[in-house]
Amino acid sequence: MKRAWVYAVSAVVVVTAGVWLLPHAPSTPEEAAPEAIALSPLDAKVQEAVAIIQSGEGNPMQAIFALREVVEEEPTHRDAQFYLGQFSMLSGQFDKAVERFEIVLQTYGDDEAAAVGLAQARSQMGDTEGAIQGLQTFLTEYPNTPGASNLQTLLAELQAGTTEASEPN
C-alpha cells in the first residue's frame, strides 16, 4: 500500500513536470514576441510531433516516428530524446525512458527535468536505489538548480519508500 503511494506521487510528479516543460503559447496575438525566432527544421519537427500527441488529434505513432527521425539525424537532440523518454514512461516502457533521459543528461548534465524523469523511470522499474543515487549525484553536482527543493522532496519520498519497504510489518 505504501509503495502504491510512492508510485502515485511519482506519477503526479511526472505529469506535472511534463506539463511544466511543454511549450506555452501566448493567450493573445498582441502578447506574441515581435520577432519570430527561427526554429531549426529538427526543432520544428519536434514541436509538431509533440503538438500531435498533446492535442490527441492525429496518429500518435506518426509523432513518435517523427521524434525517432530527429534522433536518427541528431542523436543528442535534447527535446526529441526528452519527449521520447516522457512518452516511453506514459506507455510503461521504463527501460527505454531510462535510456532517453540518460542521453539527455550526458549532453545536458544540468537538465533538472531529465534528472527527475530518470529517477522516476528507475523507481518504476524497481531500481529505487539507483533513482536515489542519481538524484543525490545530480544535487551534489548542481546544488543551485532552480528546482532543488522539488528534487529534495522527490529524493525524500524515494528514501521513505525504501525505508518503509525494508521495515518489518
C-alpha atoms as a PDB file:
ATOM      1  CA  MET A   1       0.000   0.000   0.000  1.00  0.00           C
ATOM      2  CA  LYS A   2       2.775   2.404   0.914  1.00  0.00           C
ATOM      3  CA  ARG A   3       4.629   1.534  -2.280  1.00  0.00           C
ATOM      4  CA  ALA A   4       1.491   2.378  -4.275  1.00  0.00           C
ATOM      5  CA  TRP A   5       1.511   5.796  -2.621  1.00  0.00           C
ATOM      6  CA  VAL A   6       5.091   6.382  -3.783  1.00  0.00           C
ATOM      7  CA  TYR A   7       4.109   5.331  -7.324  1.00  0.00           C
ATOM      8  CA  ALA A   8       1.116   7.638  -7.270  1.00  0.00           C
ATOM      9  CA  VAL A   9       3.238  10.579  -6.139  1.00  0.00           C
ATOM     10  CA  SER A  10       5.815   9.730  -8.805  1.00  0.00           C
ATOM     11  CA  ALA A  11       3.121   9.699 -11.477  1.00  0.00           C
ATOM     12  CA  VAL A  12       1.859  13.099 -10.351  1.00  0.00           C
ATOM     13  CA  VAL A  13       5.393  14.499 -10.473  1.00  0.00           C
ATOM     14  CA  VAL A  14       5.950  13.075 -13.989  1.00  0.00           C
ATOM     15  CA  VAL A  15       2.750  14.602 -15.308  1.00  0.00           C
ATOM     16  CA  THR A  16       3.453  17.927 -13.582  1.00  0.00           C
ATOM     17  CA  ALA A  17       6.993  18.052 -14.955  1.00  0.00           C
ATOM     18  CA  GLY A  18       5.714  17.187 -18.426  1.00  0.00           C
ATOM     19  CA  VAL A  19       3.099  19.921 -18.378  1.00  0.00           C
ATOM     20  CA  TRP A  20       5.579  22.409 -16.923  1.00  0.00           C
ATOM     21  CA  LEU A  21       8.068  21.693 -19.710  1.00  0.00           C
ATOM     22  CA  LEU A  22       5.566  21.852 -22.542  1.00  0.00           C
ATOM     23  CA  PRO A  23       5.662  24.975 -24.718  1.00  0.00           C
ATOM     24  CA  HIS A  24       3.064  27.564 -23.830  1.00  0.00           C
ATOM     25  CA  ALA A  25       1.513  29.851 -26.427  1.00  0.00           C
ATOM     26  CA  PRO A  26       0.619  33.447 -25.650  1.00  0.00           C
ATOM     27  CA  SER A  27      -3.077  33.944 -24.984  1.00  0.00           C
ATOM     28  CA  THR A  28      -3.454  36.789 -27.486  1.00  0.00           C
ATOM     29  CA  PRO A  29      -1.553  37.759 -30.615  1.00  0.00           C
ATOM     30  CA  GLU A  30      -0.557  41.084 -29.018  1.00  0.00           C
ATOM     31  CA  GLU A  31       1.439  39.171 -26.392  1.00  0.00           C
ATOM     32  CA  ALA A  32       3.423  37.322 -29.035  1.00  0.00           C
ATOM     33  CA  ALA A  33       7.060  38.264 -29.458  1.00  0.00           C
ATOM     34  CA  PRO A  34       7.503  40.908 -32.157  1.00  0.00           C
ATOM     35  CA  GLU A  35      10.190  38.867 -33.871  1.00  0.00           C
ATOM     36  CA  ALA A  36       9.599  35.213 -34.547  1.00  0.00           C
ATOM     37  CA  ILE A  37      12.501  33.029 -33.522  1.00  0.00           C
ATOM     38  CA  ALA A  38      13.555  30.853 -36.404  1.00  0.00           C
ATOM     39  CA  LEU A  39      13.444  27.192 -35.465  1.00  0.00           C
ATOM     40  CA  SER A  40      15.725  24.642 -36.956  1.00  0.00           C
ATOM     41  CA  PRO A  41      13.911  22.069 -39.079  1.00  0.00           C
ATOM     42  CA  LEU A  42      14.542  19.461 -36.372  1.00  0.00           C
ATOM     43  CA  ASP A  43      13.136  21.692 -33.620  1.00  0.00           C
ATOM     44  CA  ALA A  44      10.069  22.379 -35.759  1.00  0.00           C
ATOM     45  CA  LYS A  45       9.609  18.651 -36.339  1.00  0.00           C
ATOM     46  CA  VAL A  46       9.773  18.005 -32.583  1.00  0.00           C
ATOM     47  CA  GLN A  47       7.229  20.747 -31.871  1.00  0.00           C
ATOM     48  CA  GLU A  48       4.857  19.355 -34.492  1.00  0.00           C
ATOM     49  CA  ALA A  49       5.182  15.839 -33.082  1.00  0.00           C
ATOM     50  CA  VAL A  50       4.567  16.982 -29.514  1.00  0.00           C
ATOM     51  CA  ALA A  51       1.562  19.033 -30.655  1.00  0.00           C
ATOM     52  CA  ILE A  52       0.048  15.943 -32.301  1.00  0.00           C
ATOM     53  CA  ILE A  53       0.336  13.968 -29.085  1.00  0.00           C
ATOM     54  CA  GLN A  54      -0.821  16.805 -26.827  1.00  0.00           C
ATOM     55  CA  SER A  55      -3.856  17.591 -28.942  1.00  0.00           C
ATOM     56  CA  GLY A  56      -4.929  13.980 -29.205  1.00  0.00           C
ATOM     57  CA  GLU A  57      -5.591  14.618 -32.882  1.00  0.00           C
ATOM     58  CA  GLY A  58      -3.735  12.668 -35.486  1.00  0.00           C
ATOM     59  CA  ASN A  59      -1.793   9.461 -35.183  1.00  0.00           C
ATOM     60  CA  PRO A  60       0.434   9.415 -32.072  1.00  0.00           C
ATOM     61  CA  MET A  61       2.677   6.781 -33.651  1.00  0.00           C
ATOM     62  CA  GLN A  62       3.301   9.187 -36.525  1.00  0.00           C
ATOM     63  CA  ALA A  63       4.527  11.687 -33.935  1.00  0.00           C
ATOM     64  CA  ILE A  64       6.745   9.084 -32.256  1.00  0.00           C
ATOM     65  CA  PHE A  65       8.238   8.149 -35.629  1.00  0.00           C
ATOM     66  CA  ALA A  66       8.929  11.839 -36.303  1.00  0.00           C
ATOM     67  CA  LEU A  67      10.752  12.118 -32.973  1.00  0.00           C
ATOM     68  CA  ARG A  68      12.759   9.000 -33.794  1.00  0.00           C
ATOM     69  CA  GLU A  69      13.708  10.510 -37.152  1.00  0.00           C
ATOM     70  CA  VAL A  70      15.033  13.588 -35.337  1.00  0.00           C
ATOM     71  CA  VAL A  71      17.091  11.349 -33.022  1.00  0.00           C
ATOM     72  CA  GLU A  72      18.449   9.417 -36.005  1.00  0.00           C
ATOM     73  CA  GLU A  73      19.620  12.672 -37.560  1.00  0.00           C
ATOM     74  CA  GLU A  74      20.821  14.236 -34.294  1.00  0.00           C
ATOM     75  CA  PRO A  75      21.235  11.611 -31.523  1.00  0.00           C
ATOM     76  CA  THR A  76      21.760  14.221 -28.792  1.00  0.00           C
ATOM     77  CA  HIS A  77      18.751  16.413 -29.668  1.00  0.00           C
ATOM     78  CA  ARG A  78      17.542  17.359 -26.201  1.00  0.00           C
ATOM     79  CA  ASP A  79      13.847  17.803 -26.836  1.00  0.00           C
ATOM     80  CA  ALA A  80      13.452  14.741 -29.055  1.00  0.00           C
ATOM     81  CA  GLN A  81      15.200  12.488 -26.537  1.00  0.00           C
ATOM     82  CA  PHE A  82      13.367  14.064 -23.594  1.00  0.00           C
ATOM     83  CA  TYR A  83       9.903  13.718 -25.118  1.00  0.00           C
ATOM     84  CA  LEU A  84      10.630  10.176 -26.254  1.00  0.00           C
ATOM     85  CA  GLY A  85      11.551   9.490 -22.614  1.00  0.00           C
ATOM     86  CA  GLN A  86       8.325  11.080 -21.383  1.00  0.00           C
ATOM     87  CA  PHE A  87       6.201   9.160 -23.875  1.00  0.00           C
ATOM     88  CA  SER A  88       8.052   5.932 -23.013  1.00  0.00           C
ATOM     89  CA  MET A  89       7.067   6.451 -19.386  1.00  0.00           C
ATOM     90  CA  LEU A  90       3.449   7.080 -20.333  1.00  0.00           C
ATOM     91  CA  SER A  91       3.402   3.792 -22.220  1.00  0.00           C
ATOM     92  CA  GLY A  92       5.100   1.891 -19.378  1.00  0.00           C
ATOM     93  CA  GLN A  93       8.386   1.396 -21.252  1.00  0.00           C
ATOM     94  CA  PHE A  94      10.531   2.498 -18.332  1.00  0.00           C
ATOM     95  CA  ASP A  95      13.727   0.870 -19.614  1.00  0.00           C
ATOM     96  CA  LYS A  96      13.507   2.955 -22.796  1.00  0.00           C
ATOM     97  CA  ALA A  97      12.732   6.061 -20.740  1.00  0.00           C
ATOM     98  CA  VAL A  98      15.889   5.474 -18.676  1.00  0.00           C
ATOM     99  CA  GLU A  99      17.958   5.296 -21.878  1.00  0.00           C
ATOM    100  CA  ARG A 100      16.435   8.528 -23.235  1.00  0.00           C
ATOM    101  CA  PHE A 101      16.902  10.521 -20.031  1.00  0.00           C
ATOM    102  CA  GLU A 102      20.472   9.257 -19.660  1.00  0.00           C
ATOM    103  CA  ILE A 103      21.263  10.548 -23.155  1.00  0.00           C
ATOM    104  CA  VAL A 104      19.855  13.969 -22.256  1.00  0.00           C
ATOM    105  CA  LEU A 105      21.903  14.094 -19.057  1.00  0.00           C
ATOM    106  CA  GLN A 106      25.083  13.009 -20.835  1.00  0.00           C
ATOM    107  CA  THR A 107      24.769  16.008 -23.123  1.00  0.00           C
ATOM    108  CA  TYR A 108      22.999  18.474 -20.828  1.00  0.00           C
ATOM    109  CA  GLY A 109      24.210  17.489 -17.367  1.00  0.00           C
ATOM    110  CA  ASP A 110      22.232  20.172 -15.541  1.00  0.00           C
ATOM    111  CA  ASP A 111      18.868  19.240 -17.079  1.00  0.00           C
ATOM    112  CA  GLU A 112      16.678  19.074 -13.991  1.00  0.00           C
ATOM    113  CA  ALA A 113      13.631  17.682 -15.796  1.00  0.00           C
ATOM    114  CA  ALA A 114      15.694  14.831 -17.253  1.00  0.00           C
ATOM    115  CA  ALA A 115      17.106  14.058 -13.795  1.00  0.00           C
ATOM    116  CA  VAL A 116      13.567  13.833 -12.405  1.00  0.00           C
ATOM    117  CA  GLY A 117      12.410  11.695 -15.320  1.00  0.00           C
ATOM    118  CA  LEU A 118      15.384   9.366 -14.923  1.00  0.00           C
ATOM    119  CA  ALA A 119      14.765   8.944 -11.196  1.00  0.00           C
ATOM    120  CA  GLN A 120      11.077   8.252 -11.741  1.00  0.00           C
ATOM    121  CA  ALA A 121      11.731   5.766 -14.540  1.00  0.00           C
ATOM    122  CA  ARG A 122      14.296   3.922 -12.428  1.00  0.00           C
ATOM    123  CA  SER A 123      11.889   3.875  -9.498  1.00  0.00           C
ATOM    124  CA  GLN A 124       9.110   2.466 -11.674  1.00  0.00           C
ATOM    125  CA  MET A 125      11.494  -0.275 -12.819  1.00  0.00           C
ATOM    126  CA  GLY A 126      12.126  -1.198  -9.180  1.00  0.00           C
ATOM    127  CA  ASP A 127      15.585   0.396  -9.050  1.00  0.00           C
ATOM    128  CA  THR A 128      14.805   2.774  -6.208  1.00  0.00           C
ATOM    129  CA  GLU A 129      18.413   2.759  -5.014  1.00  0.00           C
ATOM    130  CA  GLY A 130      19.568   3.806  -8.496  1.00  0.00           C
ATOM    131  CA  ALA A 131      16.952   6.564  -8.510  1.00  0.00           C
ATOM    132  CA  ILE A 132      18.121   7.799  -5.113  1.00  0.00           C
ATOM    133  CA  GLN A 133      21.792   7.701  -6.083  1.00  0.00           C
ATOM    134  CA  GLY A 134      21.074   9.530  -9.337  1.00  0.00           C
ATOM    135  CA  LEU A 135      19.220  12.339  -7.578  1.00  0.00           C
ATOM    136  CA  GLN A 136      21.891  12.612  -4.891  1.00  0.00           C
ATOM    137  CA  THR A 137      24.604  12.859  -7.549  1.00  0.00           C
ATOM    138  CA  PHE A 138      22.637  15.453  -9.508  1.00  0.00           C
ATOM    139  CA  LEU A 139      22.041  17.578  -6.396  1.00  0.00           C
ATOM    140  CA  THR A 140      25.716  17.322  -5.446  1.00  0.00           C
ATOM    141  CA  GLU A 141      26.825  18.459  -8.905  1.00  0.00           C
ATOM    142  CA  TYR A 142      24.100  21.102  -9.318  1.00  0.00           C
ATOM    143  CA  PRO A 143      23.102  22.255  -5.817  1.00  0.00           C
ATOM    144  CA  ASN A 144      21.773  25.612  -7.052  1.00  0.00           C
ATOM    145  CA  THR A 145      19.384  24.225  -9.630  1.00  0.00           C
ATOM    146  CA  PRO A 146      16.121  26.225  -9.574  1.00  0.00           C
ATOM    147  CA  GLY A 147      14.041  23.196  -8.583  1.00  0.00           C
ATOM    148  CA  ALA A 148      16.416  21.860  -5.926  1.00  0.00           C
ATOM    149  CA  SER A 149      13.649  21.841  -3.302  1.00  0.00           C
ATOM    150  CA  ASN A 150      11.412  19.750  -5.580  1.00  0.00           C
ATOM    151  CA  LEU A 151      14.284  17.335  -6.195  1.00  0.00           C
ATOM    152  CA  GLN A 152      14.904  17.120  -2.449  1.00  0.00           C
ATOM    153  CA  THR A 153      11.220  16.315  -1.918  1.00  0.00           C
ATOM    154  CA  LEU A 154      11.301  13.564  -4.534  1.00  0.00           C
ATOM    155  CA  LEU A 155      14.516  12.218  -3.027  1.00  0.00           C
ATOM    156  CA  ALA A 156      12.944  12.152   0.456  1.00  0.00           C
ATOM    157  CA  GLU A 157       9.859  10.357  -0.900  1.00  0.00           C
ATOM    158  CA  LEU A 158      12.015   7.737  -2.599  1.00  0.00           C
ATOM    159  CA  GLN A 159      14.085   7.277   0.549  1.00  0.00           C
ATOM    160  CA  ALA A 160      10.939   6.992   2.679  1.00  0.00           C
ATOM    161  CA  GLY A 161       9.591   4.359   0.308  1.00  0.00           C
ATOM    162  CA  THR A 162      12.835   2.396   0.607  1.00  0.00           C
ATOM    163  CA  THR A 163      12.775   2.659   4.385  1.00  0.00           C
ATOM    164  CA  GLU A 164       9.110   1.635   4.587  1.00  0.00           C
ATOM    165  CA  ALA A 165       9.696  -1.303   2.266  1.00  0.00           C
ATOM    166  CA  SER A 166      12.580  -2.576   4.413  1.00  0.00           C
ATOM    167  CA  GLU A 167      10.758  -2.222   7.763  1.00  0.00           C
ATOM    168  CA  PRO A 168       9.218  -5.408   9.166  1.00  0.00           C
ATOM    169  CA  ASN A 169       5.426  -5.425   9.436  1.00  0.00           C
END
